[in-house]
Amino acid sequence: MDQLRVEAGLSLTKLSTLVPSQESLLLAVLEHHQLFWMQGIQRAAEMVATPRGRLLSVCVFCASGLPTIPIVAAADTLIAASLHVR
């Protein structure tokens, strides 16, 4: 959680208020990823008129992957570490 706190530039108190547990952090990160992919796929499909073009546009979007956002990367690292511990 320290890495996440530093990346976010928050005090431990503020971080604890925003993210009361690792489970809530995991849920927030998963919701963020889901929203990113759903909106991105929708936008990619809407950019082109033909079915083939829509498919290619969606494939290009999916190949681009998630943008690197420091707070998301830090949360992903924390979650991955906690999953390997158990």
PDB file of N, CA and C in Angstrom:
ATOM      1  N   MET A   1       0.821  -1.190   0.000  1.00  0.00           N
ATOM      2  CA  MET A   1       0.000   0.000   0.000  1.00  0.00           C
ATOM      3  C   MET A   1       0.870   1.261   0.000  1.00  0.00           C
ATOM      4  N   ASP A   2       2.095   1.131   0.532  1.00  0.00           N
ATOM      5  CA  ASP A   2       2.981   2.302   0.544  1.00  0.00           C
ATOM      6  C   ASP A   2       3.290   2.790  -0.862  1.00  0.00           C
ATOM      7  N   GLN A   3       3.570   1.863  -1.768  1.00  0.00           N
ATOM      8  CA  GLN A   3       3.865   2.254  -3.151  1.00  0.00           C
ATOM      9  C   GLN A   3       2.662   2.968  -3.763  1.00  0.00           C
ATOM     10  N   LEU A   4       1.488   2.463  -3.511  1.00  0.00           N
ATOM     11  CA  LEU A   4       0.263   3.076  -4.018  1.00  0.00           C
ATOM     12  C   LEU A   4       0.091   4.481  -3.435  1.00  0.00           C
ATOM     13  N   ARG A   5       0.339   4.626  -2.145  1.00  0.00           N
ATOM     14  CA  ARG A   5       0.213   5.918  -1.480  1.00  0.00           C
ATOM     15  C   ARG A   5       1.179   6.930  -2.082  1.00  0.00           C
ATOM     16  N   VAL A   6       2.418   6.511  -2.307  1.00  0.00           N
ATOM     17  CA  VAL A   6       3.425   7.401  -2.876  1.00  0.00           C
ATOM     18  C   VAL A   6       3.050   7.794  -4.303  1.00  0.00           C
ATOM     19  N   GLU A   7       2.651   6.813  -5.127  1.00  0.00           N
ATOM     20  CA  GLU A   7       2.261   7.092  -6.518  1.00  0.00           C
ATOM     21  C   GLU A   7       1.078   8.051  -6.589  1.00  0.00           C
ATOM     22  N   ALA A   8       0.141   7.903  -5.658  1.00  0.00           N
ATOM     23  CA  ALA A   8      -1.052   8.748  -5.658  1.00  0.00           C
ATOM     24  C   ALA A   8      -0.792  10.103  -5.012  1.00  0.00           C
ATOM     25  N   GLY A   9       0.304  10.217  -4.270  1.00  0.00           N
ATOM     26  CA  GLY A   9       0.602  11.471  -3.594  1.00  0.00           C
ATOM     27  C   GLY A   9      -0.360  11.756  -2.453  1.00  0.00           C
ATOM     28  N   LEU A  10      -0.792  10.693  -1.770  1.00  0.00           N
ATOM     29  CA  LEU A  10      -1.771  10.835  -0.691  1.00  0.00           C
ATOM     30  C   LEU A  10      -1.148  10.486   0.650  1.00  0.00           C
ATOM     31  N   SER A  11      -1.719  11.059   1.699  1.00  0.00           N
ATOM     32  CA  SER A  11      -1.314  10.660   3.041  1.00  0.00           C
ATOM     33  C   SER A  11      -1.924   9.286   3.322  1.00  0.00           C
ATOM     34  N   LEU A  12      -1.362   8.596   4.305  1.00  0.00           N
ATOM     35  CA  LEU A  12      -1.888   7.274   4.670  1.00  0.00           C
ATOM     36  C   LEU A  12      -3.338   7.383   5.133  1.00  0.00           C
ATOM     37  N   THR A  13      -3.660   8.449   5.863  1.00  0.00           N
ATOM     38  CA  THR A  13      -5.037   8.658   6.331  1.00  0.00           C
ATOM     39  C   THR A  13      -5.996   8.818   5.166  1.00  0.00           C
ATOM     40  N   LYS A  14      -5.626   9.663   4.207  1.00  0.00           N
ATOM     41  CA  LYS A  14      -6.493   9.893   3.042  1.00  0.00           C
ATOM     42  C   LYS A  14      -6.655   8.611   2.219  1.00  0.00           C
ATOM     43  N   LEU A  15      -5.556   7.888   2.004  1.00  0.00           N
ATOM     44  CA  LEU A  15      -5.619   6.639   1.251  1.00  0.00           C
ATOM     45  C   LEU A  15      -6.532   5.635   1.957  1.00  0.00           C
ATOM     46  N   SER A  16      -6.415   5.545   3.275  1.00  0.00           N
ATOM     47  CA  SER A  16      -7.253   4.611   4.038  1.00  0.00           C
ATOM     48  C   SER A  16      -8.725   4.973   3.940  1.00  0.00           C
ATOM     49  N   THR A  17      -9.015   6.270   3.821  1.00  0.00           N
ATOM     50  CA  THR A  17     -10.400   6.717   3.656  1.00  0.00           C
ATOM     51  C   THR A  17     -10.926   6.321   2.277  1.00  0.00           C
ATOM     52  N   LEU A  18     -10.087   6.499   1.257  1.00  0.00           N
ATOM     53  CA  LEU A  18     -10.496   6.203  -0.116  1.00  0.00           C
ATOM     54  C   LEU A  18     -10.507   4.709  -0.408  1.00  0.00           C
ATOM     55  N   VAL A  19      -9.548   3.992   0.165  1.00  0.00           N
ATOM     56  CA  VAL A  19      -9.384   2.561  -0.098  1.00  0.00           C
ATOM     57  C   VAL A  19      -9.282   1.839   1.248  1.00  0.00           C
ATOM     58  N   PRO A  20     -10.417   1.469   1.819  1.00  0.00           N
ATOM     59  CA  PRO A  20     -10.394   0.873   3.155  1.00  0.00           C
ATOM     60  C   PRO A  20      -9.782  -0.532   3.226  1.00  0.00           C
ATOM     61  N   SER A  21      -9.712  -1.235   2.091  1.00  0.00           N
ATOM     62  CA  SER A  21      -9.146  -2.596   2.117  1.00  0.00           C
ATOM     63  C   SER A  21      -8.571  -2.955   0.751  1.00  0.00           C
ATOM     64  N   GLN A  22      -7.745  -3.987   0.736  1.00  0.00           N
ATOM     65  CA  GLN A  22      -7.212  -4.450  -0.543  1.00  0.00           C
ATOM     66  C   GLN A  22      -8.330  -4.969  -1.439  1.00  0.00           C
ATOM     67  N   GLU A  23      -9.362  -5.538  -0.843  1.00  0.00           N
ATOM     68  CA  GLU A  23     -10.491  -6.032  -1.627  1.00  0.00           C
ATOM     69  C   GLU A  23     -11.203  -4.886  -2.344  1.00  0.00           C
ATOM     70  N   SER A  24     -11.387  -3.759  -1.653  1.00  0.00           N
ATOM     71  CA  SER A  24     -12.040  -2.621  -2.301  1.00  0.00           C
ATOM     72  C   SER A  24     -11.143  -2.031  -3.382  1.00  0.00           C
ATOM     73  N   LEU A  25      -9.836  -2.080  -3.166  1.00  0.00           N
ATOM     74  CA  LEU A  25      -8.894  -1.622  -4.187  1.00  0.00           C
ATOM     75  C   LEU A  25      -8.975  -2.526  -5.416  1.00  0.00           C
ATOM     76  N   LEU A  26      -8.997  -3.819  -5.200  1.00  0.00           N
ATOM     77  CA  LEU A  26      -9.109  -4.768  -6.306  1.00  0.00           C
ATOM     78  C   LEU A  26     -10.386  -4.509  -7.097  1.00  0.00           C
ATOM     79  N   LEU A  27     -11.487  -4.319  -6.414  1.00  0.00           N
ATOM     80  CA  LEU A  27     -12.757  -4.050  -7.080  1.00  0.00           C
ATOM     81  C   LEU A  27     -12.685  -2.760  -7.905  1.00  0.00           C
ATOM     82  N   ALA A  28     -12.105  -1.717  -7.343  1.00  0.00           N
ATOM     83  CA  ALA A  28     -11.991  -0.441  -8.055  1.00  0.00           C
ATOM     84  C   ALA A  28     -11.121  -0.582  -9.303  1.00  0.00           C
ATOM     85  N   VAL A  29     -10.016  -1.303  -9.194  1.00  0.00           N
ATOM     86  CA  VAL A  29      -9.132  -1.486 -10.350  1.00  0.00           C
ATOM     87  C   VAL A  29      -9.832  -2.315 -11.426  1.00  0.00           C
ATOM     88  N   LEU A  30     -10.513  -3.370 -11.025  1.00  0.00           N
ATOM     89  CA  LEU A  30     -11.232  -4.200 -11.996  1.00  0.00           C
ATOM     90  C   LEU A  30     -12.339  -3.413 -12.681  1.00  0.00           C
ATOM     91  N   GLU A  31     -13.053  -2.579 -11.932  1.00  0.00           N
ATOM     92  CA  GLU A  31     -14.100  -1.741 -12.528  1.00  0.00           C
ATOM     93  C   GLU A  31     -13.492  -0.745 -13.516  1.00  0.00           C
ATOM     94  N   HIS A  32     -12.334  -0.196 -13.163  1.00  0.00           N
ATOM     95  CA  HIS A  32     -11.643   0.742 -14.058  1.00  0.00           C
ATOM     96  C   HIS A  32     -11.263   0.047 -15.367  1.00  0.00           C
ATOM     97  N   HIS A  33     -10.665  -1.133 -15.256  1.00  0.00           N
ATOM     98  CA  HIS A  33     -10.268  -1.893 -16.450  1.00  0.00           C
ATOM     99  C   HIS A  33     -11.486  -2.240 -17.306  1.00  0.00           C
ATOM    100  N   GLN A  34     -12.554  -2.703 -16.660  1.00  0.00           N
ATOM    101  CA  GLN A  34     -13.761  -3.083 -17.391  1.00  0.00           C
ATOM    102  C   GLN A  34     -14.342  -1.893 -18.144  1.00  0.00           C
ATOM    103  N   LEU A  35     -14.427  -0.746 -17.490  1.00  0.00           N
ATOM    104  CA  LEU A  35     -14.963   0.453 -18.126  1.00  0.00           C
ATOM    105  C   LEU A  35     -14.098   0.889 -19.301  1.00  0.00           C
ATOM    106  N   PHE A  36     -12.784   0.868 -19.105  1.00  0.00           N
ATOM    107  CA  PHE A  36     -11.855   1.236 -20.181  1.00  0.00           C
ATOM    108  C   PHE A  36     -12.092   0.369 -21.409  1.00  0.00           C
ATOM    109  N   TRP A  37     -12.150  -0.953 -21.212  1.00  0.00           N
ATOM    110  CA  TRP A  37     -12.300  -1.874 -22.345  1.00  0.00           C
ATOM    111  C   TRP A  37     -13.675  -1.746 -22.993  1.00  0.00           C
ATOM    112  N   MET A  38     -14.722  -1.649 -22.193  1.00  0.00           N
ATOM    113  CA  MET A  38     -16.070  -1.552 -22.759  1.00  0.00           C
ATOM    114  C   MET A  38     -16.233  -0.281 -23.587  1.00  0.00           C
ATOM    115  N   GLN A  39     -15.797   0.856 -23.033  1.00  0.00           N
ATOM    116  CA  GLN A  39     -15.916   2.120 -23.768  1.00  0.00           C
ATOM    117  C   GLN A  39     -15.028   2.133 -25.007  1.00  0.00           C
ATOM    118  N   GLY A  40     -13.822   1.609 -24.871  1.00  0.00           N
ATOM    119  CA  GLY A  40     -12.894   1.595 -26.003  1.00  0.00           C
ATOM    120  C   GLY A  40     -13.381   0.730 -27.149  1.00  0.00           C
ATOM    121  N   ILE A  41     -13.896  -0.431 -26.827  1.00  0.00           N
ATOM    122  CA  ILE A  41     -14.418  -1.330 -27.864  1.00  0.00           C
ATOM    123  C   ILE A  41     -15.630  -0.688 -28.540  1.00  0.00           C
ATOM    124  N   GLN A  42     -16.497  -0.074 -27.742  1.00  0.00           N
ATOM    125  CA  GLN A  42     -17.677   0.598 -28.296  1.00  0.00           C
ATOM    126  C   GLN A  42     -17.262   1.718 -29.250  1.00  0.00           C
ATOM    127  N   ARG A  43     -16.330   2.571 -28.811  1.00  0.00           N
ATOM    128  CA  ARG A  43     -15.861   3.675 -29.671  1.00  0.00           C
ATOM    129  C   ARG A  43     -15.206   3.150 -30.942  1.00  0.00           C
ATOM    130  N   ALA A  44     -14.390   2.105 -30.802  1.00  0.00           N
ATOM    131  CA  ALA A  44     -13.708   1.543 -31.969  1.00  0.00           C
ATOM    132  C   ALA A  44     -14.712   1.005 -32.977  1.00  0.00           C
ATOM    133  N   ALA A  45     -15.746   0.328 -32.491  1.00  0.00           N
ATOM    134  CA  ALA A  45     -16.763  -0.237 -33.385  1.00  0.00           C
ATOM    135  C   ALA A  45     -17.587   0.847 -34.069  1.00  0.00           C
ATOM    136  N   GLU A  46     -17.810   1.953 -33.377  1.00  0.00           N
ATOM    137  CA  GLU A  46     -18.633   3.031 -33.937  1.00  0.00           C
ATOM    138  C   GLU A  46     -17.883   3.869 -34.971  1.00  0.00           C
ATOM    139  N   MET A  47     -16.573   3.769 -35.032  1.00  0.00           N
ATOM    140  CA  MET A  47     -15.780   4.602 -35.933  1.00  0.00           C
ATOM    141  C   MET A  47     -15.878   4.174 -37.394  1.00  0.00           C
ATOM    142  N   VAL A  48     -16.305   2.956 -37.651  1.00  0.00           N
ATOM    143  CA  VAL A  48     -16.287   2.404 -39.003  1.00  0.00           C
ATOM    144  C   VAL A  48     -17.673   1.868 -39.352  1.00  0.00           C
ATOM    145  N   ALA A  49     -18.055   1.997 -40.630  1.00  0.00           N
ATOM    146  CA  ALA A  49     -19.413   1.633 -41.047  1.00  0.00           C
ATOM    147  C   ALA A  49     -19.577   0.157 -41.405  1.00  0.00           C
ATOM    148  N   THR A  50     -18.538  -0.489 -41.934  1.00  0.00           N
ATOM    149  CA  THR A  50     -18.699  -1.864 -42.400  1.00  0.00           C
ATOM    150  C   THR A  50     -18.397  -2.858 -41.278  1.00  0.00           C
ATOM    151  N   PRO A  51     -19.022  -4.025 -41.328  1.00  0.00           N
ATOM    152  CA  PRO A  51     -18.739  -5.039 -40.302  1.00  0.00           C
ATOM    153  C   PRO A  51     -17.250  -5.413 -40.250  1.00  0.00           C
ATOM    154  N   ARG A  52     -16.642  -5.579 -41.419  1.00  0.00           N
ATOM    155  CA  ARG A  52     -15.213  -5.927 -41.451  1.00  0.00           C
ATOM    156  C   ARG A  52     -14.370  -4.805 -40.852  1.00  0.00           C
ATOM    157  N   GLY A  53     -14.701  -3.572 -41.190  1.00  0.00           N
ATOM    158  CA  GLY A  53     -13.987  -2.425 -40.656  1.00  0.00           C
ATOM    159  C   GLY A  53     -14.134  -2.310 -39.152  1.00  0.00           C
ATOM    160  N   ARG A  54     -15.349  -2.586 -38.643  1.00  0.00           N
ATOM    161  CA  ARG A  54     -15.580  -2.542 -37.197  1.00  0.00           C
ATOM    162  C   ARG A  54     -14.734  -3.592 -36.497  1.00  0.00           C
ATOM    163  N   LEU A  55     -14.710  -4.795 -37.057  1.00  0.00           N
ATOM    164  CA  LEU A  55     -13.912  -5.869 -36.467  1.00  0.00           C
ATOM    165  C   LEU A  55     -12.437  -5.489 -36.432  1.00  0.00           C
ATOM    166  N   LEU A  56     -11.924  -4.969 -37.533  1.00  0.00           N
ATOM    167  CA  LEU A  56     -10.516  -4.562 -37.580  1.00  0.00           C
ATOM    168  C   LEU A  56     -10.239  -3.431 -36.595  1.00  0.00           C
ATOM    169  N   SER A  57     -11.145  -2.478 -36.487  1.00  0.00           N
ATOM    170  CA  SER A  57     -10.981  -1.359 -35.565  1.00  0.00           C
ATOM    171  C   SER A  57     -10.945  -1.840 -34.111  1.00  0.00           C
ATOM    172  N   VAL A  58     -11.816  -2.767 -33.787  1.00  0.00           N
ATOM    173  CA  VAL A  58     -11.840  -3.330 -32.435  1.00  0.00           C
ATOM    174  C   VAL A  58     -10.549  -4.104 -32.164  1.00  0.00           C
ATOM    175  N   CYS A  59     -10.079  -4.857 -33.148  1.00  0.00           N
ATOM    176  CA  CYS A  59      -8.829  -5.615 -32.981  1.00  0.00           C
ATOM    177  C   CYS A  59      -7.644  -4.683 -32.742  1.00  0.00           C
ATOM    178  N   VAL A  60      -7.592  -3.591 -33.483  1.00  0.00           N
ATOM    179  CA  VAL A  60      -6.509  -2.613 -33.299  1.00  0.00           C
ATOM    180  C   VAL A  60      -6.579  -2.020 -31.897  1.00  0.00           C
ATOM    181  N   PHE A  61      -7.779  -1.669 -31.457  1.00  0.00           N
ATOM    182  CA  PHE A  61      -7.931  -1.130 -30.100  1.00  0.00           C
ATOM    183  C   PHE A  61      -7.453  -2.151 -29.064  1.00  0.00           C
ATOM    184  N   CYS A  62      -7.896  -3.383 -29.197  1.00  0.00           N
ATOM    185  CA  CYS A  62      -7.524  -4.411 -28.221  1.00  0.00           C
ATOM    186  C   CYS A  62      -6.021  -4.672 -28.222  1.00  0.00           C
ATOM    187  N   ALA A  63      -5.393  -4.586 -29.363  1.00  0.00           N
ATOM    188  CA  ALA A  63      -3.950  -4.804 -29.449  1.00  0.00           C
ATOM    189  C   ALA A  63      -3.165  -3.683 -28.784  1.00  0.00           C
ATOM    190  N   SER A  64      -3.788  -2.513 -28.666  1.00  0.00           N
ATOM    191  CA  SER A  64      -3.082  -1.372 -28.075  1.00  0.00           C
ATOM    192  C   SER A  64      -2.902  -1.518 -26.565  1.00  0.00           C
ATOM    193  N   GLY A  65      -3.770  -2.264 -25.902  1.00  0.00           N
ATOM    194  CA  GLY A  65      -3.645  -2.504 -24.468  1.00  0.00           C
ATOM    195  C   GLY A  65      -4.018  -1.307 -23.614  1.00  0.00           C
ATOM    196  N   LEU A  66      -3.890  -1.485 -22.309  1.00  0.00           N
ATOM    197  CA  LEU A  66      -4.213  -0.422 -21.363  1.00  0.00           C
ATOM    198  C   LEU A  66      -3.136   0.649 -21.337  1.00  0.00           C
ATOM    199  N   PRO A  67      -3.551   1.893 -21.204  1.00  0.00           N
ATOM    200  CA  PRO A  67      -2.547   2.943 -21.045  1.00  0.00           C
ATOM    201  C   PRO A  67      -1.841   2.783 -19.705  1.00  0.00           C
ATOM    202  N   THR A  68      -0.622   3.233 -19.625  1.00  0.00           N
ATOM    203  CA  THR A  68       0.120   3.142 -18.374  1.00  0.00           C
ATOM    204  C   THR A  68      -0.209   4.360 -17.520  1.00  0.00           C
ATOM    205  N   ILE A  69      -1.001   4.135 -16.506  1.00  0.00           N
ATOM    206  CA  ILE A  69      -1.359   5.174 -15.555  1.00  0.00           C
ATOM    207  C   ILE A  69      -0.691   4.774 -14.242  1.00  0.00           C
ATOM    208  N   PRO A  70       0.193   5.617 -13.682  1.00  0.00           N
ATOM    209  CA  PRO A  70       0.969   5.214 -12.499  1.00  0.00           C
ATOM    210  C   PRO A  70       0.133   4.636 -11.371  1.00  0.00           C
ATOM    211  N   ILE A  71      -0.989   5.254 -11.028  1.00  0.00           N
ATOM    212  CA  ILE A  71      -1.793   4.756  -9.911  1.00  0.00           C
ATOM    213  C   ILE A  71      -2.380   3.386 -10.221  1.00  0.00           C
ATOM    214  N   VAL A  72      -2.787   3.165 -11.476  1.00  0.00           N
ATOM    215  CA  VAL A  72      -3.327   1.866 -11.873  1.00  0.00           C
ATOM    216  C   VAL A  72      -2.212   0.821 -11.868  1.00  0.00           C
ATOM    217  N   ALA A  73      -1.040   1.188 -12.365  1.00  0.00           N
ATOM    218  CA  ALA A  73       0.092   0.257 -12.371  1.00  0.00           C
ATOM    219  C   ALA A  73       0.476  -0.125 -10.944  1.00  0.00           C
ATOM    220  N   ALA A  74       0.500   0.842 -10.044  1.00  0.00           N
ATOM    221  CA  ALA A  74       0.837   0.563  -8.648  1.00  0.00           C
ATOM    222  C   ALA A  74      -0.202  -0.353  -8.008  1.00  0.00           C
ATOM    223  N   ALA A  75      -1.469  -0.088  -8.281  1.00  0.00           N
ATOM    224  CA  ALA A  75      -2.542  -0.934  -7.729  1.00  0.00           C
ATOM    225  C   ALA A  75      -2.452  -2.340  -8.300  1.00  0.00           C
ATOM    226  N   ASP A  76      -2.183  -2.455  -9.595  1.00  0.00           N
ATOM    227  CA  ASP A  76      -2.031  -3.774 -10.211  1.00  0.00           C
ATOM    228  C   ASP A  76      -0.891  -4.543  -9.563  1.00  0.00           C
ATOM    229  N   THR A  77       0.224  -3.869  -9.301  1.00  0.00           N
ATOM    230  CA  THR A  77       1.378  -4.503  -8.665  1.00  0.00           C
ATOM    231  C   THR A  77       1.020  -4.991  -7.275  1.00  0.00           C
ATOM    232  N   LEU A  78       0.330  -4.150  -6.509  1.00  0.00           N
ATOM    233  CA  LEU A  78      -0.079  -4.522  -5.161  1.00  0.00           C
ATOM    234  C   LEU A  78      -1.011  -5.724  -5.187  1.00  0.00           C
ATOM    235  N   ILE A  79      -1.970  -5.711  -6.082  1.00  0.00           N
ATOM    236  CA  ILE A  79      -2.935  -6.814  -6.170  1.00  0.00           C
ATOM    237  C   ILE A  79      -2.233  -8.101  -6.594  1.00  0.00           C
ATOM    238  N   ALA A  80      -1.356  -8.009  -7.584  1.00  0.00           N
ATOM    239  CA  ALA A  80      -0.622  -9.203  -8.027  1.00  0.00           C
ATOM    240  C   ALA A  80       0.205  -9.773  -6.891  1.00  0.00           C
ATOM    241  N   ALA A  81       0.863  -8.916  -6.138  1.00  0.00           N
ATOM    242  CA  ALA A  81       1.678  -9.378  -5.019  1.00  0.00           C
ATOM    243  C   ALA A  81       0.818 -10.061  -3.961  1.00  0.00           C
ATOM    244  N   SER A  82      -0.346  -9.494  -3.674  1.00  0.00           N
ATOM    245  CA  SER A  82      -1.202 -10.088  -2.645  1.00  0.00           C
ATOM    246  C   SER A  82      -1.778 -11.422  -3.107  1.00  0.00           C
ATOM    247  N   LEU A  83      -2.011 -11.577  -4.408  1.00  0.00           N
ATOM    248  CA  LEU A  83      -2.544 -12.848  -4.911  1.00  0.00           C
ATOM    249  C   LEU A  83      -1.491 -13.949  -4.879  1.00  0.00           C
ATOM    250  N   HIS A  84      -0.213 -13.597  -5.045  1.00  0.00           N
ATOM    251  CA  HIS A  84       0.854 -14.595  -5.012  1.00  0.00           C
ATOM    252  C   HIS A  84       1.180 -15.044  -3.597  1.00  0.00           C
ATOM    253  N   VAL A  85       0.869 -14.212  -2.627  1.00  0.00           N
ATOM    254  CA  VAL A  85       1.162 -14.531  -1.228  1.00  0.00           C
ATOM    255  C   VAL A  85       0.239 -15.614  -0.713  1.00  0.00           C
ATOM    256  N   ARG A  86      -0.999 -15.597  -1.170  1.00  0.00           N
ATOM    257  CA  ARG A  86      -2.003 -16.540  -0.640  1.00  0.00           C
ATOM    258  C   ARG A  86      -1.849 -17.911  -1.184  1.00  0.00           C
TER     259      ARG A  86
END
